[in-house]
Amino acid sequence: MCENIVIPNIRIRPDQEEMFEMNWLEYVRRDTEGSDSDTRRRAATELVRALTEKFPQEARPARRAARLMLEYKRKETRMKSA
């Protein structure tokens, strides 16, 4: 569920990345104030929150996030050395 539903819906889209690069303060403000309440990202976040509360032993998003960060670091290292 995490890899097929949550991760694809919480990834930063190119337009969001562009907004962050142009005005990171505005991006953070919008993200933290919850103005994205009707977005896939917010829905995926709420799903993870609910699953974590309902099934604390089974829902461990931190482990998956750590693996994704490790993957990212490996790719980044390969790209820099290429």
PDB file of N, CA and C in Angstrom:
ATOM      1  N   MET A   1       0.820  -1.177   0.000  1.00  0.00           N
ATOM      2  CA  MET A   1       0.000   0.000   0.000  1.00  0.00           C
ATOM      3  C   MET A   1       0.877   1.258   0.000  1.00  0.00           C
ATOM      4  N   CYS A   2       1.918   1.208   0.783  1.00  0.00           N
ATOM      5  CA  CYS A   2       2.797   2.377   0.881  1.00  0.00           C
ATOM      6  C   CYS A   2       3.442   2.698  -0.465  1.00  0.00           C
ATOM      7  N   GLU A   3       3.997   1.681  -1.104  1.00  0.00           N
ATOM      8  CA  GLU A   3       4.707   1.918  -2.367  1.00  0.00           C
ATOM      9  C   GLU A   3       3.775   2.221  -3.527  1.00  0.00           C
ATOM     10  N   ASN A   4       2.578   1.637  -3.514  1.00  0.00           N
ATOM     11  CA  ASN A   4       1.677   1.793  -4.650  1.00  0.00           C
ATOM     12  C   ASN A   4       0.678   2.932  -4.522  1.00  0.00           C
ATOM     13  N   ILE A   5       0.377   3.348  -3.299  1.00  0.00           N
ATOM     14  CA  ILE A   5      -0.615   4.405  -3.113  1.00  0.00           C
ATOM     15  C   ILE A   5      -0.004   5.650  -2.484  1.00  0.00           C
ATOM     16  N   VAL A   6       0.638   5.484  -1.351  1.00  0.00           N
ATOM     17  CA  VAL A   6       1.100   6.638  -0.599  1.00  0.00           C
ATOM     18  C   VAL A   6       2.262   7.350  -1.283  1.00  0.00           C
ATOM     19  N   ILE A   7       3.335   6.628  -1.559  1.00  0.00           N
ATOM     20  CA  ILE A   7       4.540   7.254  -2.117  1.00  0.00           C
ATOM     21  C   ILE A   7       4.257   7.998  -3.426  1.00  0.00           C
ATOM     22  N   PRO A   8       3.562   7.391  -4.392  1.00  0.00           N
ATOM     23  CA  PRO A   8       3.305   8.148  -5.627  1.00  0.00           C
ATOM     24  C   PRO A   8       2.500   9.430  -5.406  1.00  0.00           C
ATOM     25  N   ASN A   9       1.683   9.454  -4.368  1.00  0.00           N
ATOM     26  CA  ASN A   9       0.834  10.622  -4.133  1.00  0.00           C
ATOM     27  C   ASN A   9       1.451  11.680  -3.242  1.00  0.00           C
ATOM     28  N   ILE A  10       2.562  11.376  -2.585  1.00  0.00           N
ATOM     29  CA  ILE A  10       3.191  12.409  -1.762  1.00  0.00           C
ATOM     30  C   ILE A  10       4.459  12.973  -2.394  1.00  0.00           C
ATOM     31  N   ARG A  11       4.875  12.387  -3.489  1.00  0.00           N
ATOM     32  CA  ARG A  11       6.060  12.916  -4.164  1.00  0.00           C
ATOM     33  C   ARG A  11       5.826  14.340  -4.633  1.00  0.00           C
ATOM     34  N   ILE A  12       6.878  15.095  -4.648  1.00  0.00           N
ATOM     35  CA  ILE A  12       6.788  16.480  -5.100  1.00  0.00           C
ATOM     36  C   ILE A  12       6.737  16.505  -6.620  1.00  0.00           C
ATOM     37  N   ARG A  13       5.732  17.176  -7.134  1.00  0.00           N
ATOM     38  CA  ARG A  13       5.567  17.297  -8.580  1.00  0.00           C
ATOM     39  C   ARG A  13       6.504  18.382  -9.107  1.00  0.00           C
ATOM     40  N   PRO A  14       6.798  18.360 -10.404  1.00  0.00           N
ATOM     41  CA  PRO A  14       7.695  19.373 -10.975  1.00  0.00           C
ATOM     42  C   PRO A  14       7.230  20.807 -10.727  1.00  0.00           C
ATOM     43  N   ASP A  15       5.921  21.067 -10.787  1.00  0.00           N
ATOM     44  CA  ASP A  15       5.440  22.428 -10.544  1.00  0.00           C
ATOM     45  C   ASP A  15       5.645  22.842  -9.084  1.00  0.00           C
ATOM     46  N   GLN A  16       5.550  21.885  -8.168  1.00  0.00           N
ATOM     47  CA  GLN A  16       5.799  22.194  -6.763  1.00  0.00           C
ATOM     48  C   GLN A  16       7.284  22.449  -6.516  1.00  0.00           C
ATOM     49  N   GLU A  17       8.117  21.689  -7.186  1.00  0.00           N
ATOM     50  CA  GLU A  17       9.564  21.896  -7.064  1.00  0.00           C
ATOM     51  C   GLU A  17       9.945  23.276  -7.591  1.00  0.00           C
ATOM     52  N   GLU A  18       9.325  23.654  -8.696  1.00  0.00           N
ATOM     53  CA  GLU A  18       9.593  24.974  -9.269  1.00  0.00           C
ATOM     54  C   GLU A  18       9.153  26.082  -8.314  1.00  0.00           C
ATOM     55  N   MET A  19       7.968  25.893  -7.705  1.00  0.00           N
ATOM     56  CA  MET A  19       7.492  26.887  -6.748  1.00  0.00           C
ATOM     57  C   MET A  19       8.454  26.998  -5.558  1.00  0.00           C
ATOM     58  N   PHE A  20       8.953  25.864  -5.094  1.00  0.00           N
ATOM     59  CA  PHE A  20       9.895  25.871  -3.984  1.00  0.00           C
ATOM     60  C   PHE A  20      11.170  26.618  -4.350  1.00  0.00           C
ATOM     61  N   GLU A  21      11.661  26.377  -5.557  1.00  0.00           N
ATOM     62  CA  GLU A  21      12.890  27.038  -5.994  1.00  0.00           C
ATOM     63  C   GLU A  21      12.691  28.540  -6.172  1.00  0.00           C
ATOM     64  N   MET A  22      11.510  28.937  -6.628  1.00  0.00           N
ATOM     65  CA  MET A  22      11.248  30.355  -6.857  1.00  0.00           C
ATOM     66  C   MET A  22      10.972  31.113  -5.554  1.00  0.00           C
ATOM     67  N   ASN A  23      10.225  30.478  -4.646  1.00  0.00           N
ATOM     68  CA  ASN A  23       9.847  31.147  -3.410  1.00  0.00           C
ATOM     69  C   ASN A  23       9.620  30.092  -2.330  1.00  0.00           C
ATOM     70  N   TRP A  24      10.689  29.635  -1.731  1.00  0.00           N
ATOM     71  CA  TRP A  24      10.595  28.539  -0.765  1.00  0.00           C
ATOM     72  C   TRP A  24       9.765  28.922   0.452  1.00  0.00           C
ATOM     73  N   LEU A  25       9.788  30.174   0.835  1.00  0.00           N
ATOM     74  CA  LEU A  25       9.024  30.610   1.992  1.00  0.00           C
ATOM     75  C   LEU A  25       7.519  30.464   1.743  1.00  0.00           C
ATOM     76  N   GLU A  26       7.071  30.868   0.572  1.00  0.00           N
ATOM     77  CA  GLU A  26       5.664  30.733   0.206  1.00  0.00           C
ATOM     78  C   GLU A  26       5.270  29.259   0.120  1.00  0.00           C
ATOM     79  N   TYR A  27       6.141  28.444  -0.435  1.00  0.00           N
ATOM     80  CA  TYR A  27       5.871  27.001  -0.530  1.00  0.00           C
ATOM     81  C   TYR A  27       5.663  26.400   0.862  1.00  0.00           C
ATOM     82  N   VAL A  28       6.559  26.704   1.778  1.00  0.00           N
ATOM     83  CA  VAL A  28       6.468  26.172   3.140  1.00  0.00           C
ATOM     84  C   VAL A  28       5.213  26.702   3.833  1.00  0.00           C
ATOM     85  N   ARG A  29       4.913  27.972   3.640  1.00  0.00           N
ATOM     86  CA  ARG A  29       3.708  28.552   4.245  1.00  0.00           C
ATOM     87  C   ARG A  29       2.461  27.815   3.785  1.00  0.00           C
ATOM     88  N   ARG A  30       2.334  27.624   2.488  1.00  0.00           N
ATOM     89  CA  ARG A  30       1.169  26.909   1.954  1.00  0.00           C
ATOM     90  C   ARG A  30       1.096  25.486   2.463  1.00  0.00           C
ATOM     91  N   ASP A  31       2.242  24.829   2.512  1.00  0.00           N
ATOM     92  CA  ASP A  31       2.280  23.435   2.940  1.00  0.00           C
ATOM     93  C   ASP A  31       1.899  23.294   4.413  1.00  0.00           C
ATOM     94  N   THR A  32       2.372  24.193   5.243  1.00  0.00           N
ATOM     95  CA  THR A  32       2.115  24.069   6.676  1.00  0.00           C
ATOM     96  C   THR A  32       0.738  24.574   7.090  1.00  0.00           C
ATOM     97  N   GLU A  33       0.179  25.507   6.357  1.00  0.00           N
ATOM     98  CA  GLU A  33      -1.138  26.020   6.746  1.00  0.00           C
ATOM     99  C   GLU A  33      -2.273  25.117   6.281  1.00  0.00           C
ATOM    100  N   GLY A  34      -1.971  24.126   5.451  1.00  0.00           N
ATOM    101  CA  GLY A  34      -2.990  23.181   5.033  1.00  0.00           C
ATOM    102  C   GLY A  34      -3.862  23.654   3.901  1.00  0.00           C
ATOM    103  N   SER A  35      -3.369  24.577   3.081  1.00  0.00           N
ATOM    104  CA  SER A  35      -4.171  25.056   1.959  1.00  0.00           C
ATOM    105  C   SER A  35      -4.326  23.997   0.872  1.00  0.00           C
ATOM    106  N   ASP A  36      -3.612  22.888   1.033  1.00  0.00           N
ATOM    107  CA  ASP A  36      -3.705  21.803   0.059  1.00  0.00           C
ATOM    108  C   ASP A  36      -4.640  20.695   0.555  1.00  0.00           C
ATOM    109  N   SER A  37      -5.736  21.070   1.237  1.00  0.00           N
ATOM    110  CA  SER A  37      -6.610  20.094   1.887  1.00  0.00           C
ATOM    111  C   SER A  37      -7.319  19.164   0.913  1.00  0.00           C
ATOM    112  N   ASP A  38      -7.478  19.553  -0.328  1.00  0.00           N
ATOM    113  CA  ASP A  38      -8.173  18.717  -1.310  1.00  0.00           C
ATOM    114  C   ASP A  38      -7.224  18.083  -2.313  1.00  0.00           C
ATOM    115  N   THR A  39      -5.985  17.852  -1.905  1.00  0.00           N
ATOM    116  CA  THR A  39      -5.015  17.289  -2.834  1.00  0.00           C
ATOM    117  C   THR A  39      -4.739  15.824  -2.518  1.00  0.00           C
ATOM    118  N   ARG A  40      -4.158  15.156  -3.483  1.00  0.00           N
ATOM    119  CA  ARG A  40      -3.773  13.757  -3.282  1.00  0.00           C
ATOM    120  C   ARG A  40      -2.738  13.623  -2.183  1.00  0.00           C
ATOM    121  N   ARG A  41      -1.823  14.588  -2.111  1.00  0.00           N
ATOM    122  CA  ARG A  41      -0.787  14.540  -1.084  1.00  0.00           C
ATOM    123  C   ARG A  41      -1.411  14.574   0.307  1.00  0.00           C
ATOM    124  N   ARG A  42      -2.341  15.479   0.516  1.00  0.00           N
ATOM    125  CA  ARG A  42      -2.988  15.581   1.827  1.00  0.00           C
ATOM    126  C   ARG A  42      -3.776  14.313   2.137  1.00  0.00           C
ATOM    127  N   ALA A  43      -4.468  13.764   1.145  1.00  0.00           N
ATOM    128  CA  ALA A  43      -5.228  12.532   1.358  1.00  0.00           C
ATOM    129  C   ALA A  43      -4.300  11.372   1.720  1.00  0.00           C
ATOM    130  N   ALA A  44      -3.165  11.277   1.035  1.00  0.00           N
ATOM    131  CA  ALA A  44      -2.201  10.213   1.337  1.00  0.00           C
ATOM    132  C   ALA A  44      -1.620  10.403   2.733  1.00  0.00           C
ATOM    133  N   THR A  45      -1.363  11.634   3.114  1.00  0.00           N
ATOM    134  CA  THR A  45      -0.841  11.924   4.447  1.00  0.00           C
ATOM    135  C   THR A  45      -1.861  11.537   5.510  1.00  0.00           C
ATOM    136  N   GLU A  46      -3.116  11.866   5.276  1.00  0.00           N
ATOM    137  CA  GLU A  46      -4.176  11.514   6.234  1.00  0.00           C
ATOM    138  C   GLU A  46      -4.349   9.999   6.321  1.00  0.00           C
ATOM    139  N   LEU A  47      -4.199   9.306   5.192  1.00  0.00           N
ATOM    140  CA  LEU A  47      -4.276   7.843   5.195  1.00  0.00           C
ATOM    141  C   LEU A  47      -3.172   7.248   6.072  1.00  0.00           C
ATOM    142  N   VAL A  48      -1.957   7.726   5.893  1.00  0.00           N
ATOM    143  CA  VAL A  48      -0.837   7.234   6.703  1.00  0.00           C
ATOM    144  C   VAL A  48      -1.078   7.541   8.175  1.00  0.00           C
ATOM    145  N   ARG A  49      -1.539   8.725   8.461  1.00  0.00           N
ATOM    146  CA  ARG A  49      -1.807   9.105   9.859  1.00  0.00           C
ATOM    147  C   ARG A  49      -2.859   8.179  10.477  1.00  0.00           C
ATOM    148  N   ALA A  50      -3.944   7.934   9.757  1.00  0.00           N
ATOM    149  CA  ALA A  50      -5.014   7.076  10.278  1.00  0.00           C
ATOM    150  C   ALA A  50      -4.539   5.636  10.465  1.00  0.00           C
ATOM    151  N   LEU A  51      -3.802   5.116   9.491  1.00  0.00           N
ATOM    152  CA  LEU A  51      -3.288   3.751   9.605  1.00  0.00           C
ATOM    153  C   LEU A  51      -2.307   3.613  10.758  1.00  0.00           C
ATOM    154  N   THR A  52      -1.489   4.637  10.945  1.00  0.00           N
ATOM    155  CA  THR A  52      -0.513   4.611  12.034  1.00  0.00           C
ATOM    156  C   THR A  52      -1.218   4.625  13.387  1.00  0.00           C
ATOM    157  N   GLU A  53      -2.292   5.390  13.490  1.00  0.00           N
ATOM    158  CA  GLU A  53      -3.039   5.428  14.749  1.00  0.00           C
ATOM    159  C   GLU A  53      -3.794   4.128  14.999  1.00  0.00           C
ATOM    160  N   LYS A  54      -4.396   3.589  13.946  1.00  0.00           N
ATOM    161  CA  LYS A  54      -5.216   2.372  14.079  1.00  0.00           C
ATOM    162  C   LYS A  54      -4.362   1.111  14.223  1.00  0.00           C
ATOM    163  N   PHE A  55      -3.261   1.048  13.500  1.00  0.00           N
ATOM    164  CA  PHE A  55      -2.391  -0.126  13.501  1.00  0.00           C
ATOM    165  C   PHE A  55      -0.945   0.291  13.760  1.00  0.00           C
ATOM    166  N   PRO A  56      -0.623   0.703  14.959  1.00  0.00           N
ATOM    167  CA  PRO A  56       0.712   1.244  15.234  1.00  0.00           C
ATOM    168  C   PRO A  56       1.851   0.246  14.997  1.00  0.00           C
ATOM    169  N   GLN A  57       1.635  -1.026  15.232  1.00  0.00           N
ATOM    170  CA  GLN A  57       2.698  -2.012  15.039  1.00  0.00           C
ATOM    171  C   GLN A  57       2.908  -2.341  13.559  1.00  0.00           C
ATOM    172  N   GLU A  58       1.830  -2.325  12.790  1.00  0.00           N
ATOM    173  CA  GLU A  58       1.932  -2.693  11.376  1.00  0.00           C
ATOM    174  C   GLU A  58       2.342  -1.531  10.480  1.00  0.00           C
ATOM    175  N   ALA A  59       1.923  -0.336  10.835  1.00  0.00           N
ATOM    176  CA  ALA A  59       2.202   0.839  10.010  1.00  0.00           C
ATOM    177  C   ALA A  59       3.488   1.498  10.485  1.00  0.00           C
ATOM    178  N   ARG A  60       4.519   1.354   9.708  1.00  0.00           N
ATOM    179  CA  ARG A  60       5.815   1.931  10.064  1.00  0.00           C
ATOM    180  C   ARG A  60       6.361   2.734   8.884  1.00  0.00           C
ATOM    181  N   PRO A  61       5.773   3.896   8.619  1.00  0.00           N
ATOM    182  CA  PRO A  61       6.212   4.682   7.471  1.00  0.00           C
ATOM    183  C   PRO A  61       7.651   5.171   7.591  1.00  0.00           C
ATOM    184  N   ALA A  62       8.152   5.281   8.791  1.00  0.00           N
ATOM    185  CA  ALA A  62       9.525   5.775   8.970  1.00  0.00           C
ATOM    186  C   ALA A  62      10.540   4.815   8.353  1.00  0.00           C
ATOM    187  N   ARG A  63      10.293   3.538   8.447  1.00  0.00           N
ATOM    188  CA  ARG A  63      11.215   2.559   7.847  1.00  0.00           C
ATOM    189  C   ARG A  63      11.264   2.709   6.329  1.00  0.00           C
ATOM    190  N   ARG A  64      10.101   2.832   5.720  1.00  0.00           N
ATOM    191  CA  ARG A  64      10.045   2.984   4.270  1.00  0.00           C
ATOM    192  C   ARG A  64      10.686   4.302   3.851  1.00  0.00           C
ATOM    193  N   ALA A  65      10.432   5.352   4.603  1.00  0.00           N
ATOM    194  CA  ALA A  65      11.032   6.651   4.298  1.00  0.00           C
ATOM    195  C   ALA A  65      12.550   6.571   4.387  1.00  0.00           C
ATOM    196  N   ALA A  66      13.063   5.863   5.376  1.00  0.00           N
ATOM    197  CA  ALA A  66      14.511   5.711   5.526  1.00  0.00           C
ATOM    198  C   ALA A  66      15.098   4.973   4.329  1.00  0.00           C
ATOM    199  N   ARG A  67      14.403   3.942   3.857  1.00  0.00           N
ATOM    200  CA  ARG A  67      14.880   3.207   2.673  1.00  0.00           C
ATOM    201  C   ARG A  67      14.875   4.107   1.443  1.00  0.00           C
ATOM    202  N   LEU A  68      13.829   4.916   1.283  1.00  0.00           N
ATOM    203  CA  LEU A  68      13.763   5.821   0.136  1.00  0.00           C
ATOM    204  C   LEU A  68      14.880   6.858   0.178  1.00  0.00           C
ATOM    205  N   MET A  69      15.178   7.363   1.362  1.00  0.00           N
ATOM    206  CA  MET A  69      16.268   8.331   1.498  1.00  0.00           C
ATOM    207  C   MET A  69      17.607   7.689   1.138  1.00  0.00           C
ATOM    208  N   LEU A  70      17.798   6.451   1.549  1.00  0.00           N
ATOM    209  CA  LEU A  70      19.020   5.735   1.213  1.00  0.00           C
ATOM    210  C   LEU A  70      19.130   5.537  -0.299  1.00  0.00           C
ATOM    211  N   GLU A  71      18.029   5.166  -0.936  1.00  0.00           N
ATOM    212  CA  GLU A  71      18.010   5.022  -2.398  1.00  0.00           C
ATOM    213  C   GLU A  71      18.383   6.336  -3.064  1.00  0.00           C
ATOM    214  N   TYR A  72      17.794   7.419  -2.584  1.00  0.00           N
ATOM    215  CA  TYR A  72      18.057   8.736  -3.140  1.00  0.00           C
ATOM    216  C   TYR A  72      19.539   9.089  -3.027  1.00  0.00           C
ATOM    217  N   LYS A  73      20.116   8.851  -1.857  1.00  0.00           N
ATOM    218  CA  LYS A  73      21.530   9.158  -1.641  1.00  0.00           C
ATOM    219  C   LYS A  73      22.408   8.363  -2.593  1.00  0.00           C
ATOM    220  N   ARG A  74      22.077   7.096  -2.797  1.00  0.00           N
ATOM    221  CA  ARG A  74      22.857   6.252  -3.718  1.00  0.00           C
ATOM    222  C   ARG A  74      22.778   6.801  -5.145  1.00  0.00           C
ATOM    223  N   LYS A  75      21.586   7.155  -5.586  1.00  0.00           N
ATOM    224  CA  LYS A  75      21.407   7.699  -6.926  1.00  0.00           C
ATOM    225  C   LYS A  75      22.150   9.024  -7.069  1.00  0.00           C
ATOM    226  N   GLU A  76      22.045   9.850  -6.051  1.00  0.00           N
ATOM    227  CA  GLU A  76      22.713  11.155  -6.069  1.00  0.00           C
ATOM    228  C   GLU A  76      24.223  10.982  -6.172  1.00  0.00           C
ATOM    229  N   THR A  77      24.758  10.032  -5.418  1.00  0.00           N
ATOM    230  CA  THR A  77      26.196   9.758  -5.433  1.00  0.00           C
ATOM    231  C   THR A  77      26.623   9.269  -6.817  1.00  0.00           C
ATOM    232  N   ARG A  78      25.830   8.375  -7.409  1.00  0.00           N
ATOM    233  CA  ARG A  78      26.143   7.866  -8.751  1.00  0.00           C
ATOM    234  C   ARG A  78      26.109   8.987  -9.787  1.00  0.00           C
ATOM    235  N   MET A  79      25.136   9.883  -9.666  1.00  0.00           N
ATOM    236  CA  MET A  79      25.021  10.973 -10.624  1.00  0.00           C
ATOM    237  C   MET A  79      26.185  11.930 -10.515  1.00  0.00           C
ATOM    238  N   LYS A  80      26.648  12.207  -9.306  1.00  0.00           N
ATOM    239  CA  LYS A  80      27.773  13.120  -9.114  1.00  0.00           C
ATOM    240  C   LYS A  80      29.073  12.519  -9.621  1.00  0.00           C
ATOM    241  N   SER A  81      29.222  11.199  -9.502  1.00  0.00           N
ATOM    242  CA  SER A  81      30.465  10.565  -9.927  1.00  0.00           C
ATOM    243  C   SER A  81      30.480  10.285 -11.430  1.00  0.00           C
ATOM    244  N   ALA A  82      29.338  10.433 -12.086  1.00  0.00           N
ATOM    245  CA  ALA A  82      29.274  10.150 -13.528  1.00  0.00           C
ATOM    246  C   ALA A  82      29.751  11.317 -14.356  1.00  0.00           C
TER     247      ALA A  82
END
